Amino acid sequence: MIRFHVLANSDSVEDQRVKIKVRDAIVSYLAPYLKDVSDADLARQIITERQDEMTDVARRVLVANGANYSVKTEVGIFDFPVKSYGDLTLPAGKYEAARVLLGKAEGKNWWCVLFPPLCFIDMTNAAALPRSTSDEQIGNQTTGIQFKWKIAEMWSSVNSN
């Protein structure tokens, strides 16, 4: 599993709005490259090779929105809190991820799973997750894309048979 993680500069309404725009732009950029990838090693290679382009995409969004702060893109192993989505629970622990740090990266964050490519299925109800490690409620931020959890759908299908 490879996650995608965007950390907002702060919790201000404007910084959270910019975070969602950065998320949308990078997910749109990566979608054609990762959509049909079925191998984790290939997904990792694609993400790593496009790390600079992901930074450039984020910078363009910042400039277009008058956000005068830095952007840093990292690919590596990072800590994540436990999260549950219906029948699917992702335990707390270290996960491979591509993450984008906007400015001070002190605001609420957002993440999805790049591989398998769950970010690209449908993203209307994508969630902004609190930066804390507690299992708080997911904020509902919509941007016109619907987000579904393919793993949860497959798990429910298997359990109902």
Protein backbone atom coordinates (compact mmCIF):
# COMPACT_ATOMS: atom_id res chain seq x y z
CA MET A 1 0.00 0.00 0.00
CA ILE A 2 1.26 3.46 -0.90
CA ARG A 3 -0.59 6.43 0.56
CA PHE A 4 -0.84 10.02 -0.63
CA HIS A 5 -0.77 12.60 2.16
CA VAL A 6 -1.24 16.38 1.93
CA LEU A 7 -0.53 18.52 5.01
CA ALA A 8 -1.99 22.03 4.99
CA ASN A 9 0.00 25.08 6.07
CA SER A 10 -2.52 25.79 8.85
CA ASP A 11 -6.15 25.24 9.80
CA SER A 12 -7.27 28.57 8.32
CA VAL A 13 -10.15 28.31 5.88
CA GLU A 14 -7.93 29.59 3.07
CA ASP A 15 -5.07 27.16 3.76
CA GLN A 16 -7.54 24.27 3.92
CA ARG A 17 -9.06 25.37 0.60
CA VAL A 18 -5.59 25.51 -0.98
CA LYS A 19 -4.78 22.05 0.41
CA ILE A 20 -7.85 20.61 -1.35
CA LYS A 21 -6.86 22.32 -4.60
CA VAL A 22 -3.32 20.90 -4.33
CA ARG A 23 -4.77 17.47 -3.61
CA ASP A 24 -7.07 17.63 -6.63
CA ALA A 25 -4.31 18.86 -8.94
CA ILE A 26 -1.80 16.17 -7.92
CA VAL A 27 -4.37 13.36 -7.97
CA SER A 28 -5.41 14.51 -11.46
CA TYR A 29 -1.76 14.62 -12.52
CA LEU A 30 -0.97 11.12 -11.21
CA ALA A 31 -4.21 9.42 -12.27
CA PRO A 32 -3.20 8.56 -15.84
CA TYR A 33 0.12 7.12 -14.65
CA LEU A 34 -1.23 4.96 -11.80
CA LYS A 35 -4.78 4.13 -12.86
CA ASP A 36 -4.08 0.67 -14.29
CA VAL A 37 -0.88 -0.18 -12.41
CA SER A 38 -1.14 -3.55 -10.66
CA ASP A 39 2.41 -3.84 -9.32
CA ALA A 40 3.60 -2.03 -6.16
CA ASP A 41 7.17 -1.76 -7.42
CA LEU A 42 6.03 -0.09 -10.64
CA ALA A 43 3.74 2.26 -8.69
CA ARG A 44 6.63 3.21 -6.39
CA GLN A 45 8.88 3.86 -9.41
CA ILE A 46 6.24 6.02 -11.12
CA ILE A 47 5.63 8.07 -7.97
CA THR A 48 9.34 8.51 -7.26
CA GLU A 49 10.11 9.51 -10.85
CA ARG A 50 7.33 12.12 -10.76
CA GLN A 51 8.16 13.59 -7.37
CA ASP A 52 9.59 16.81 -8.86
CA GLU A 53 6.57 17.19 -11.14
CA MET A 54 4.26 16.73 -8.13
CA THR A 55 6.11 19.59 -6.42
CA ASP A 56 5.76 21.74 -9.54
CA VAL A 57 2.02 21.00 -9.75
CA ALA A 58 1.60 22.01 -6.10
CA ARG A 59 3.67 25.20 -6.60
CA ARG A 60 1.49 26.23 -9.54
CA VAL A 61 -1.62 25.81 -7.37
CA LEU A 62 -0.05 27.88 -4.58
CA VAL A 63 0.89 30.69 -6.98
CA ALA A 64 -2.54 30.64 -8.66
CA ASN A 65 -4.19 30.99 -5.25
CA GLY A 66 -1.86 33.64 -3.82
CA ALA A 67 -0.49 31.27 -1.19
CA ASN A 68 2.93 32.64 -0.34
CA TYR A 69 4.55 29.64 1.31
CA SER A 70 6.79 26.73 0.42
CA VAL A 71 5.94 23.25 -0.81
CA LYS A 72 7.95 20.10 -0.22
CA THR A 73 7.20 16.65 -1.63
CA GLU A 74 8.59 13.56 0.08
CA VAL A 75 8.43 9.88 -0.75
CA GLY A 76 9.23 7.52 2.10
CA ILE A 77 7.95 5.69 5.16
CA PHE A 78 5.78 7.74 7.55
CA ASP A 79 3.63 7.18 10.66
CA PHE A 80 -0.16 7.15 10.29
CA PRO A 81 -2.87 6.82 12.95
CA VAL A 82 -5.50 4.06 12.94
CA LYS A 83 -8.49 4.82 10.70
CA SER A 84 -11.72 2.93 10.10
CA TYR A 85 -14.04 3.28 7.14
CA GLY A 86 -17.04 1.02 7.53
CA ASP A 87 -15.72 -2.54 7.61
CA LEU A 88 -12.20 -1.50 6.61
CA THR A 89 -9.69 -0.59 9.33
CA LEU A 90 -6.18 0.57 8.54
CA PRO A 91 -4.09 0.06 11.69
CA ALA A 92 -1.77 2.72 13.03
CA GLY A 93 1.76 2.26 11.89
CA LYS A 94 4.39 3.10 9.35
CA TYR A 95 3.25 3.22 5.73
CA GLU A 96 4.93 4.05 2.48
CA ALA A 97 3.63 7.37 1.23
CA ALA A 98 4.10 10.31 -1.06
CA ARG A 99 3.39 13.39 0.97
CA VAL A 100 3.15 17.07 0.22
CA LEU A 101 3.98 19.55 2.97
CA LEU A 102 2.50 22.98 2.37
CA GLY A 103 4.21 25.83 4.23
CA LYS A 104 4.54 24.96 7.94
CA ALA A 105 2.48 21.77 7.43
CA GLU A 106 0.70 22.44 10.75
CA GLY A 107 -2.89 22.20 9.53
CA LYS A 108 -5.39 19.42 9.08
CA ASN A 109 -4.22 16.86 6.60
CA TRP A 110 -5.80 14.71 3.93
CA TRP A 111 -4.78 11.31 2.60
CA CYS A 112 -5.85 8.51 0.33
CA VAL A 113 -4.32 5.33 -1.06
CA LEU A 114 -2.32 5.80 -4.28
CA PHE A 115 -1.62 2.09 -4.63
CA PRO A 116 -3.77 0.21 -5.08
CA PRO A 117 -5.16 3.23 -6.92
CA LEU A 118 -8.11 4.10 -4.64
CA CYS A 119 -7.59 7.87 -4.93
CA PHE A 120 -8.72 7.78 -8.54
CA ILE A 121 -11.94 5.80 -8.24
CA ASP A 122 -14.26 8.59 -7.22
CA MET A 123 -13.51 11.52 -4.88
CA THR A 124 -16.60 13.65 -4.01
CA ASN A 125 -16.52 12.89 -0.33
CA ALA A 126 -12.76 12.87 0.21
CA ALA A 127 -11.88 13.45 3.83
CA ALA A 128 -9.58 15.89 5.58
CA LEU A 129 -8.05 14.02 8.50
CA PRO A 130 -6.92 15.72 11.69
CA ARG A 131 -3.17 15.87 12.13
CA SER A 132 -3.44 14.33 15.60
CA THR A 133 -3.09 10.60 16.01
CA SER A 134 -6.50 10.19 17.65
CA ASP A 135 -9.30 8.54 15.70
CA GLU A 136 -11.43 11.67 15.32
CA GLN A 137 -14.35 12.08 12.96
CA ILE A 138 -13.43 12.71 9.36
CA GLY A 139 -14.32 16.18 8.12
CA ASN A 140 -16.57 16.21 5.08
CA GLN A 141 -15.05 18.35 2.35
CA THR A 142 -16.55 18.01 -1.08
CA THR A 143 -15.07 19.20 -4.31
CA GLY A 144 -17.33 17.64 -6.93
CA ILE A 145 -15.52 14.31 -7.08
CA GLN A 146 -16.88 11.20 -5.37
CA PHE A 147 -14.48 9.06 -3.32
CA LYS A 148 -15.25 5.39 -2.74
CA TRP A 149 -13.15 2.77 -0.94
CA LYS A 150 -12.71 -0.08 -3.41
CA ILE A 151 -11.18 -2.34 -0.75
CA ALA A 152 -14.21 -1.79 1.53
CA GLU A 153 -16.58 -2.57 -1.36
CA MET A 154 -14.67 -5.76 -2.21
CA TRP A 155 -14.54 -6.77 1.47
CA SER A 156 -18.31 -6.23 1.86
CA SER A 157 -18.94 -8.25 -1.30
CA VAL A 158 -16.83 -11.16 -0.03
CA ASN A 159 -18.46 -11.09 3.42
CA SER A 160 -21.99 -11.04 1.99
CA ASN A 161 -21.43 -14.22 -0.07
